[in-house]
Structures are given as structure tokens and as C-alpha cells.
mmCIF file of all heavy atoms, coordinates in Angstrom:
data_MODEL
# 
_entry.id   MODEL 
# 
loop_
_atom_site.group_PDB 
_atom_site.id 
_atom_site.type_symbol 
_atom_site.label_atom_id 
_atom_site.label_alt_id 
_atom_site.label_comp_id 
_atom_site.label_asym_id 
_atom_site.label_entity_id 
_atom_site.label_seq_id 
_atom_site.pdbx_PDB_ins_code 
_atom_site.Cartn_x 
_atom_site.Cartn_y 
_atom_site.Cartn_z 
_atom_site.occupancy 
_atom_site.B_iso_or_equiv 
_atom_site.pdbx_formal_charge 
_atom_site.auth_seq_id 
_atom_site.auth_comp_id 
_atom_site.auth_asym_id 
_atom_site.auth_atom_id 
_atom_site.pdbx_PDB_model_num 
ATOM 1   N N   . ASN A 1 1  ? 7.850   11.386  -14.970 1.00 0.00 ? 1  ASN A N   1 
ATOM 2   C CA  . ASN A 1 1  ? 6.889   12.453  -15.257 1.00 0.00 ? 1  ASN A CA  1 
ATOM 3   C C   . ASN A 1 1  ? 6.408   13.058  -13.948 1.00 0.00 ? 1  ASN A C   1 
ATOM 4   O O   . ASN A 1 1  ? 6.821   12.639  -12.859 1.00 0.00 ? 1  ASN A O   1 
ATOM 5   C CB  . ASN A 1 1  ? 5.720   11.906  -16.091 1.00 0.00 ? 1  ASN A CB  1 
ATOM 6   C CG  . ASN A 1 1  ? 4.996   10.785  -15.386 1.00 0.00 ? 1  ASN A CG  1 
ATOM 7   O OD1 . ASN A 1 1  ? 4.268   10.996  -14.419 1.00 0.00 ? 1  ASN A OD1 1 
ATOM 8   N ND2 . ASN A 1 1  ? 5.201   9.553   -15.858 1.00 0.00 ? 1  ASN A ND2 1 
ATOM 9   N N   . VAL A 1 2  ? 5.532   14.046  -14.006 1.00 0.00 ? 2  VAL A N   1 
ATOM 10  C CA  . VAL A 1 2  ? 5.125   14.782  -12.815 1.00 0.00 ? 2  VAL A CA  1 
ATOM 11  C C   . VAL A 1 2  ? 4.364   13.902  -11.818 1.00 0.00 ? 2  VAL A C   1 
ATOM 12  O O   . VAL A 1 2  ? 4.251   14.257  -10.644 1.00 0.00 ? 2  VAL A O   1 
ATOM 13  C CB  . VAL A 1 2  ? 4.251   16.002  -13.194 1.00 0.00 ? 2  VAL A CB  1 
ATOM 14  C CG1 . VAL A 1 2  ? 5.069   17.014  -13.968 1.00 0.00 ? 2  VAL A CG1 1 
ATOM 15  C CG2 . VAL A 1 2  ? 3.020   15.575  -13.995 1.00 0.00 ? 2  VAL A CG2 1 
ATOM 16  N N   . ASN A 1 3  ? 3.842   12.761  -12.262 1.00 0.00 ? 3  ASN A N   1 
ATOM 17  C CA  . ASN A 1 3  ? 3.086   11.879  -11.366 1.00 0.00 ? 3  ASN A CA  1 
ATOM 18  C C   . ASN A 1 3  ? 3.892   10.678  -10.863 1.00 0.00 ? 3  ASN A C   1 
ATOM 19  O O   . ASN A 1 3  ? 3.386   9.885   -10.072 1.00 0.00 ? 3  ASN A O   1 
ATOM 20  C CB  . ASN A 1 3  ? 1.829   11.365  -12.086 1.00 0.00 ? 3  ASN A CB  1 
ATOM 21  C CG  . ASN A 1 3  ? 0.839   12.468  -12.360 1.00 0.00 ? 3  ASN A CG  1 
ATOM 22  O OD1 . ASN A 1 3  ? 0.535   13.265  -11.482 1.00 0.00 ? 3  ASN A OD1 1 
ATOM 23  N ND2 . ASN A 1 3  ? 0.335   12.531  -13.582 1.00 0.00 ? 3  ASN A ND2 1 
ATOM 24  N N   . THR A 1 4  ? 5.145   10.549  -11.315 1.00 0.00 ? 4  THR A N   1 
ATOM 25  C CA  . THR A 1 4  ? 5.945   9.386   -10.945 1.00 0.00 ? 4  THR A CA  1 
ATOM 26  C C   . THR A 1 4  ? 6.065   9.211   -9.440  1.00 0.00 ? 4  THR A C   1 
ATOM 27  O O   . THR A 1 4  ? 5.903   8.103   -8.902  1.00 0.00 ? 4  THR A O   1 
ATOM 28  C CB  . THR A 1 4  ? 7.355   9.483   -11.564 1.00 0.00 ? 4  THR A CB  1 
ATOM 29  O OG1 . THR A 1 4  ? 7.240   9.440   -12.991 1.00 0.00 ? 4  THR A OG1 1 
ATOM 30  C CG2 . THR A 1 4  ? 8.242   8.334   -11.092 1.00 0.00 ? 4  THR A CG2 1 
ATOM 31  N N   . ALA A 1 5  ? 6.335   10.310  -8.739  1.00 0.00 ? 5  ALA A N   1 
ATOM 32  C CA  . ALA A 1 5  ? 6.571   10.233  -7.294  1.00 0.00 ? 5  ALA A CA  1 
ATOM 33  C C   . ALA A 1 5  ? 5.344   9.747   -6.532  1.00 0.00 ? 5  ALA A C   1 
ATOM 34  O O   . ALA A 1 5  ? 5.458   9.258   -5.406  1.00 0.00 ? 5  ALA A O   1 
ATOM 35  C CB  . ALA A 1 5  ? 7.010   11.594  -6.759  1.00 0.00 ? 5  ALA A CB  1 
ATOM 36  N N   . LYS A 1 6  ? 4.171   9.856   -7.129  1.00 0.00 ? 6  LYS A N   1 
ATOM 37  C CA  . LYS A 1 6  ? 2.942   9.434   -6.461  1.00 0.00 ? 6  LYS A CA  1 
ATOM 38  C C   . LYS A 1 6  ? 2.653   7.943   -6.659  1.00 0.00 ? 6  LYS A C   1 
ATOM 39  O O   . LYS A 1 6  ? 1.687   7.429   -6.088  1.00 0.00 ? 6  LYS A O   1 
ATOM 40  C CB  . LYS A 1 6  ? 1.753   10.226  -7.006  1.00 0.00 ? 6  LYS A CB  1 
ATOM 41  C CG  . LYS A 1 6  ? 1.853   11.731  -6.819  1.00 0.00 ? 6  LYS A CG  1 
ATOM 42  C CD  . LYS A 1 6  ? 0.648   12.407  -7.455  1.00 0.00 ? 6  LYS A CD  1 
ATOM 43  C CE  . LYS A 1 6  ? 0.741   13.915  -7.360  1.00 0.00 ? 6  LYS A CE  1 
ATOM 44  N NZ  . LYS A 1 6  ? -0.429  14.573  -8.016  1.00 0.00 ? 6  LYS A NZ  1 
ATOM 45  N N   . LYS A 1 7  ? 3.473   7.265   -7.446  1.00 0.00 ? 7  LYS A N   1 
ATOM 46  C CA  . LYS A 1 7  ? 3.149   5.893   -7.832  1.00 0.00 ? 7  LYS A CA  1 
ATOM 47  C C   . LYS A 1 7  ? 4.241   4.894   -7.446  1.00 0.00 ? 7  LYS A C   1 
ATOM 48  O O   . LYS A 1 7  ? 4.301   3.800   -7.993  1.00 0.00 ? 7  LYS A O   1 
ATOM 49  C CB  . LYS A 1 7  ? 2.914   5.832   -9.342  1.00 0.00 ? 7  LYS A CB  1 
ATOM 50  C CG  . LYS A 1 7  ? 1.774   6.731   -9.809  1.00 0.00 ? 7  LYS A CG  1 
ATOM 51  C CD  . LYS A 1 7  ? 1.617   6.720   -11.315 1.00 0.00 ? 7  LYS A CD  1 
ATOM 52  C CE  . LYS A 1 7  ? 0.483   7.628   -11.766 1.00 0.00 ? 7  LYS A CE  1 
ATOM 53  N NZ  . LYS A 1 7  ? 0.327   7.643   -13.237 1.00 0.00 ? 7  LYS A NZ  1 
ATOM 54  N N   . ILE A 1 8  ? 5.091   5.274   -6.504  1.00 0.00 ? 8  ILE A N   1 
ATOM 55  C CA  . ILE A 1 8  ? 6.201   4.420   -6.105  1.00 0.00 ? 8  ILE A CA  1 
ATOM 56  C C   . ILE A 1 8  ? 5.862   3.725   -4.788  1.00 0.00 ? 8  ILE A C   1 
ATOM 57  O O   . ILE A 1 8  ? 5.496   4.373   -3.809  1.00 0.00 ? 8  ILE A O   1 
ATOM 58  C CB  . ILE A 1 8  ? 7.496   5.253   -5.940  1.00 0.00 ? 8  ILE A CB  1 
ATOM 59  C CG1 . ILE A 1 8  ? 7.864   5.899   -7.284  1.00 0.00 ? 8  ILE A CG1 1 
ATOM 60  C CG2 . ILE A 1 8  ? 8.637   4.373   -5.443  1.00 0.00 ? 8  ILE A CG2 1 
ATOM 61  C CD1 . ILE A 1 8  ? 9.016   6.870   -7.195  1.00 0.00 ? 8  ILE A CD1 1 
ATOM 62  N N   . MET A 1 9  ? 5.990   2.408   -4.772  1.00 0.00 ? 9  MET A N   1 
ATOM 63  C CA  . MET A 1 9  ? 5.747   1.649   -3.550  1.00 0.00 ? 9  MET A CA  1 
ATOM 64  C C   . MET A 1 9  ? 7.002   1.669   -2.687  1.00 0.00 ? 9  MET A C   1 
ATOM 65  O O   . MET A 1 9  ? 8.118   1.496   -3.184  1.00 0.00 ? 9  MET A O   1 
ATOM 66  C CB  . MET A 1 9  ? 5.336   0.220   -3.880  1.00 0.00 ? 9  MET A CB  1 
ATOM 67  C CG  . MET A 1 9  ? 3.984   0.131   -4.569  1.00 0.00 ? 9  MET A CG  1 
ATOM 68  S SD  . MET A 1 9  ? 3.488   -1.568  -4.992  1.00 0.00 ? 9  MET A SD  1 
ATOM 69  C CE  . MET A 1 9  ? 3.250   -2.266  -3.360  1.00 0.00 ? 9  MET A CE  1 
ATOM 70  N N   . LEU A 1 10 ? 6.808   1.865   -1.382  1.00 0.00 ? 10 LEU A N   1 
ATOM 71  C CA  . LEU A 1 10 ? 7.917   2.050   -0.462  1.00 0.00 ? 10 LEU A CA  1 
ATOM 72  C C   . LEU A 1 10 ? 7.859   1.075   0.705   1.00 0.00 ? 10 LEU A C   1 
ATOM 73  O O   . LEU A 1 10 ? 6.791   0.651   1.131   1.00 0.00 ? 10 LEU A O   1 
ATOM 74  C CB  . LEU A 1 10 ? 7.902   3.484   0.108   1.00 0.00 ? 10 LEU A CB  1 
ATOM 75  C CG  . LEU A 1 10 ? 7.947   4.650   -0.882  1.00 0.00 ? 10 LEU A CG  1 
ATOM 76  C CD1 . LEU A 1 10 ? 7.693   5.962   -0.150  1.00 0.00 ? 10 LEU A CD1 1 
ATOM 77  C CD2 . LEU A 1 10 ? 9.281   4.694   -1.597  1.00 0.00 ? 10 LEU A CD2 1 
ATOM 78  N N   . ASP A 1 11 ? 9.035   0.749   1.230   1.00 0.00 ? 11 ASP A N   1 
ATOM 79  C CA  . ASP A 1 11 ? 9.185   0.068   2.514   1.00 0.00 ? 11 ASP A CA  1 
ATOM 80  C C   . ASP A 1 11 ? 8.573   -1.343  2.507   1.00 0.00 ? 11 ASP A C   1 
ATOM 81  O O   . ASP A 1 11 ? 8.120   -1.855  1.486   1.00 0.00 ? 11 ASP A O   1 
ATOM 82  C CB  . ASP A 1 11 ? 8.606   0.924   3.636   1.00 0.00 ? 11 ASP A CB  1 
ATOM 83  C CG  . ASP A 1 11 ? 9.243   2.311   3.684   1.00 0.00 ? 11 ASP A CG  1 
ATOM 84  O OD1 . ASP A 1 11 ? 10.442  2.406   3.362   1.00 0.00 ? 11 ASP A OD1 1 
ATOM 85  O OD2 . ASP A 1 11 ? 8.544   3.278   4.019   1.00 0.00 ? 11 ASP A OD2 1 
ATOM 86  N N   . VAL A 1 12 ? 8.564   -1.934  3.707   1.00 0.00 ? 12 VAL A N   1 
ATOM 87  C CA  . VAL A 1 12 ? 8.185   -3.336  3.850   1.00 0.00 ? 12 VAL A CA  1 
ATOM 88  C C   . VAL A 1 12 ? 6.677   -3.541  3.923   1.00 0.00 ? 12 VAL A C   1 
ATOM 89  O O   . VAL A 1 12 ? 6.129   -4.455  3.320   1.00 0.00 ? 12 VAL A O   1 
ATOM 90  C CB  . VAL A 1 12 ? 8.855   -3.939  5.108   1.00 0.00 ? 12 VAL A CB  1 
ATOM 91  C CG1 . VAL A 1 12 ? 8.365   -5.355  5.340   1.00 0.00 ? 12 VAL A CG1 1 
ATOM 92  C CG2 . VAL A 1 12 ? 10.370  -3.921  4.958   1.00 0.00 ? 12 VAL A CG2 1 
ATOM 93  N N   . GLY A 1 13 ? 5.988   -2.711  4.680   1.00 0.00 ? 13 GLY A N   1 
ATOM 94  C CA  . GLY A 1 13 ? 4.559   -2.898  4.869   1.00 0.00 ? 13 GLY A CA  1 
ATOM 95  C C   . GLY A 1 13 ? 4.262   -3.904  5.970   1.00 0.00 ? 13 GLY A C   1 
ATOM 96  O O   . GLY A 1 13 ? 5.138   -4.277  6.753   1.00 0.00 ? 13 GLY A O   1 
ATOM 97  N N   . ALA A 1 14 ? 3.012   -4.347  6.041   1.00 0.00 ? 14 ALA A N   1 
ATOM 98  C CA  . ALA A 1 14 ? 2.568   -5.277  7.086   1.00 0.00 ? 14 ALA A CA  1 
ATOM 99  C C   . ALA A 1 14 ? 1.744   -6.385  6.466   1.00 0.00 ? 14 ALA A C   1 
ATOM 100 O O   . ALA A 1 14 ? 1.092   -6.205  5.431   1.00 0.00 ? 14 ALA A O   1 
ATOM 101 C CB  . ALA A 1 14 ? 1.744   -4.536  8.143   1.00 0.00 ? 14 ALA A CB  1 
ATOM 102 N N   . PHE A 1 15 ? 1.763   -7.536  7.129   1.00 0.00 ? 15 PHE A N   1 
ATOM 103 C CA  . PHE A 1 15 ? 1.042   -8.715  6.653   1.00 0.00 ? 15 PHE A CA  1 
ATOM 104 C C   . PHE A 1 15 ? -0.075  -9.070  7.621   1.00 0.00 ? 15 PHE A C   1 
ATOM 105 O O   . PHE A 1 15 ? 0.090   -8.948  8.839   1.00 0.00 ? 15 PHE A O   1 
ATOM 106 C CB  . PHE A 1 15 ? 2.009   -9.893  6.495   1.00 0.00 ? 15 PHE A CB  1 
ATOM 107 C CG  . PHE A 1 15 ? 3.097   -9.642  5.492   1.00 0.00 ? 15 PHE A CG  1 
ATOM 108 C CD1 . PHE A 1 15 ? 4.287   -9.044  5.878   1.00 0.00 ? 15 PHE A CD1 1 
ATOM 109 C CD2 . PHE A 1 15 ? 2.917   -9.983  4.158   1.00 0.00 ? 15 PHE A CD2 1 
ATOM 110 C CE1 . PHE A 1 15 ? 5.294   -8.808  4.952   1.00 0.00 ? 15 PHE A CE1 1 
ATOM 111 C CE2 . PHE A 1 15 ? 3.912   -9.753  3.228   1.00 0.00 ? 15 PHE A CE2 1 
ATOM 112 C CZ  . PHE A 1 15 ? 5.108   -9.152  3.629   1.00 0.00 ? 15 PHE A CZ  1 
ATOM 113 N N   . PHE A 1 16 ? -1.199  -9.524  7.076   1.00 0.00 ? 16 PHE A N   1 
ATOM 114 C CA  . PHE A 1 16 ? -2.395  -9.779  7.867   1.00 0.00 ? 16 PHE A CA  1 
ATOM 115 C C   . PHE A 1 16 ? -2.949  -11.175 7.566   1.00 0.00 ? 16 PHE A C   1 
ATOM 116 O O   . PHE A 1 16 ? -2.724  -11.728 6.485   1.00 0.00 ? 16 PHE A O   1 
ATOM 117 C CB  . PHE A 1 16 ? -3.488  -8.758  7.549   1.00 0.00 ? 16 PHE A CB  1 
ATOM 118 C CG  . PHE A 1 16 ? -3.165  -7.351  7.971   1.00 0.00 ? 16 PHE A CG  1 
ATOM 119 C CD1 . PHE A 1 16 ? -2.305  -6.560  7.221   1.00 0.00 ? 16 PHE A CD1 1 
ATOM 120 C CD2 . PHE A 1 16 ? -3.718  -6.814  9.130   1.00 0.00 ? 16 PHE A CD2 1 
ATOM 121 C CE1 . PHE A 1 16 ? -2.007  -5.263  7.605   1.00 0.00 ? 16 PHE A CE1 1 
ATOM 122 C CE2 . PHE A 1 16 ? -3.430  -5.526  9.522   1.00 0.00 ? 16 PHE A CE2 1 
ATOM 123 C CZ  . PHE A 1 16 ? -2.563  -4.742  8.757   1.00 0.00 ? 16 PHE A CZ  1 
ATOM 124 N N   . VAL A 1 17 ? -3.674  -11.714 8.526   1.00 0.00 ? 17 VAL A N   1 
ATOM 125 C CA  . VAL A 1 17 ? -4.405  -12.963 8.353   1.00 0.00 ? 17 VAL A CA  1 
ATOM 126 C C   . VAL A 1 17 ? -5.892  -12.676 8.501   1.00 0.00 ? 17 VAL A C   1 
ATOM 127 O O   . VAL A 1 17 ? -6.325  -12.016 9.452   1.00 0.00 ? 17 VAL A O   1 
ATOM 128 C CB  . VAL A 1 17 ? -3.967  -14.020 9.390   1.00 0.00 ? 17 VAL A CB  1 
ATOM 129 C CG1 . VAL A 1 17 ? -4.932  -15.195 9.394   1.00 0.00 ? 17 VAL A CG1 1 
ATOM 130 C CG2 . VAL A 1 17 ? -2.566  -14.506 9.095   1.00 0.00 ? 17 VAL A CG2 1 
ATOM 131 N N   . ASN A 1 18 ? -6.678  -13.162 7.546   1.00 0.00 ? 18 ASN A N   1 
ATOM 132 C CA  . ASN A 1 18 ? -8.138  -12.994 7.570   1.00 0.00 ? 18 ASN A CA  1 
ATOM 133 C C   . ASN A 1 18 ? -8.539  -11.530 7.707   1.00 0.00 ? 18 ASN A C   1 
ATOM 134 O O   . ASN A 1 18 ? -9.398  -11.164 8.513   1.00 0.00 ? 18 ASN A O   1 
ATOM 135 C CB  . ASN A 1 18 ? -8.749  -13.830 8.694   1.00 0.00 ? 18 ASN A CB  1 
ATOM 136 C CG  . ASN A 1 18 ? -8.496  -15.309 8.516   1.00 0.00 ? 18 ASN A CG  1 
ATOM 137 O OD1 . ASN A 1 18 ? -8.295  -15.791 7.404   1.00 0.00 ? 18 ASN A OD1 1 
ATOM 138 N ND2 . ASN A 1 18 ? -8.491  -16.049 9.611   1.00 0.00 ? 18 ASN A ND2 1 
ATOM 139 N N   . ALA A 1 19 ? -7.901  -10.695 6.898   1.00 0.00 ? 19 ALA A N   1 
ATOM 140 C CA  . ALA A 1 19 ? -8.186  -9.260  6.936   1.00 0.00 ? 19 ALA A CA  1 
ATOM 141 C C   . ALA A 1 19 ? -9.508  -8.944  6.252   1.00 0.00 ? 19 ALA A C   1 
ATOM 142 O O   . ALA A 1 19 ? -9.903  -9.611  5.299   1.00 0.00 ? 19 ALA A O   1 
ATOM 143 C CB  . ALA A 1 19 ? -7.061  -8.491  6.259   1.00 0.00 ? 19 ALA A CB  1 
ATOM 144 N N   . ASP A 1 20 ? -10.170 -7.909  6.748   1.00 0.00 ? 20 ASP A N   1 
ATOM 145 C CA  . ASP A 1 20 ? -11.341 -7.340  6.078   1.00 0.00 ? 20 ASP A CA  1 
ATOM 146 C C   . ASP A 1 20 ? -10.885 -6.003  5.504   1.00 0.00 ? 20 ASP A C   1 
ATOM 147 O O   . ASP A 1 20 ? -10.925 -4.979  6.185   1.00 0.00 ? 20 ASP A O   1 
ATOM 148 C CB  . ASP A 1 20 ? -12.491 -7.158  7.067   1.00 0.00 ? 20 ASP A CB  1 
ATOM 149 C CG  . ASP A 1 20 ? -13.752 -6.614  6.410   1.00 0.00 ? 20 ASP A CG  1 
ATOM 150 O OD1 . ASP A 1 20 ? -13.706 -6.256  5.210   1.00 0.00 ? 20 ASP A OD1 1 
ATOM 151 O OD2 . ASP A 1 20 ? -14.789 -6.519  7.090   1.00 0.00 ? 20 ASP A OD2 1 
ATOM 152 N N   . VAL A 1 21 ? -10.413 -6.024  4.265   1.00 0.00 ? 21 VAL A N   1 
ATOM 153 C CA  . VAL A 1 21 ? -9.799  -4.825  3.708   1.00 0.00 ? 21 VAL A CA  1 
ATOM 154 C C   . VAL A 1 21 ? -10.802 -3.684  3.540   1.00 0.00 ? 21 VAL A C   1 
ATOM 155 O O   . VAL A 1 21 ? -10.399 -2.523  3.461   1.00 0.00 ? 21 VAL A O   1 
ATOM 156 C CB  . VAL A 1 21 ? -9.108  -5.135  2.362   1.00 0.00 ? 21 VAL A CB  1 
ATOM 157 C CG1 . VAL A 1 21 ? -7.975  -6.117  2.568   1.00 0.00 ? 21 VAL A CG1 1 
ATOM 158 C CG2 . VAL A 1 21 ? -10.098 -5.657  1.332   1.00 0.00 ? 21 VAL A CG2 1 
ATOM 159 N N   . SER A 1 22 ? -12.086 -4.001  3.504   1.00 0.00 ? 22 SER A N   1 
ATOM 160 C CA  . SER A 1 22 ? -13.091 -2.943  3.374   1.00 0.00 ? 22 SER A CA  1 
ATOM 161 C C   . SER A 1 22 ? -13.129 -2.037  4.601   1.00 0.00 ? 22 SER A C   1 
ATOM 162 O O   . SER A 1 22 ? -13.630 -0.913  4.548   1.00 0.00 ? 22 SER A O   1 
ATOM 163 C CB  . SER A 1 22 ? -14.480 -3.547  3.142   1.00 0.00 ? 22 SER A CB  1 
ATOM 164 O OG  . SER A 1 22 ? -14.938 -4.238  4.306   1.00 0.00 ? 22 SER A OG  1 
ATOM 165 N N   . GLN A 1 23 ? -12.575 -2.522  5.718   1.00 0.00 ? 23 GLN A N   1 
ATOM 166 C CA  . GLN A 1 23 ? -12.572 -1.741  6.958   1.00 0.00 ? 23 GLN A CA  1 
ATOM 167 C C   . GLN A 1 23 ? -11.343 -0.858  7.108   1.00 0.00 ? 23 GLN A C   1 
ATOM 168 O O   . GLN A 1 23 ? -11.261 -0.052  8.030   1.00 0.00 ? 23 GLN A O   1 
ATOM 169 C CB  . GLN A 1 23 ? -12.668 -2.685  8.163   1.00 0.00 ? 23 GLN A CB  1 
ATOM 170 C CG  . GLN A 1 23 ? -13.934 -3.502  8.213   1.00 0.00 ? 23 GLN A CG  1 
ATOM 171 C CD  . GLN A 1 23 ? -15.170 -2.618  8.271   1.00 0.00 ? 23 GLN A CD  1 
ATOM 172 O OE1 . GLN A 1 23 ? -15.290 -1.724  9.106   1.00 0.00 ? 23 GLN A OE1 1 
ATOM 173 N NE2 . GLN A 1 23 ? -16.103 -2.874  7.347   1.00 0.00 ? 23 GLN A NE2 1 
ATOM 174 N N   . GLY A 1 24 ? -10.374 -1.012  6.214   1.00 0.00 ? 24 GLY A N   1 
ATOM 175 C CA  . GLY A 1 24 ? -9.184  -0.176  6.272   1.00 0.00 ? 24 GLY A CA  1 
ATOM 176 C C   . GLY A 1 24 ? -8.095  -0.743  7.164   1.00 0.00 ? 24 GLY A C   1 
ATOM 177 O O   . GLY A 1 24 ? -8.286  -1.719  7.897   1.00 0.00 ? 24 GLY A O   1 
# 
């Protein structure tokens, strides 16, 4: 549908230890 392209997860990403996700 018209929104499909906005909802696809891509690539590997990054991993964190003891992250504060509220800070971005």
C-alpha cells in the first residue's frame, strides 16, 4: 500500500550497552 515503503526495516544497525534511549 502507499505506506509500505515507510515501514520497512533496513540494514544492520548498531548495538549499544547501557544506552539511554531517551537521549537519542
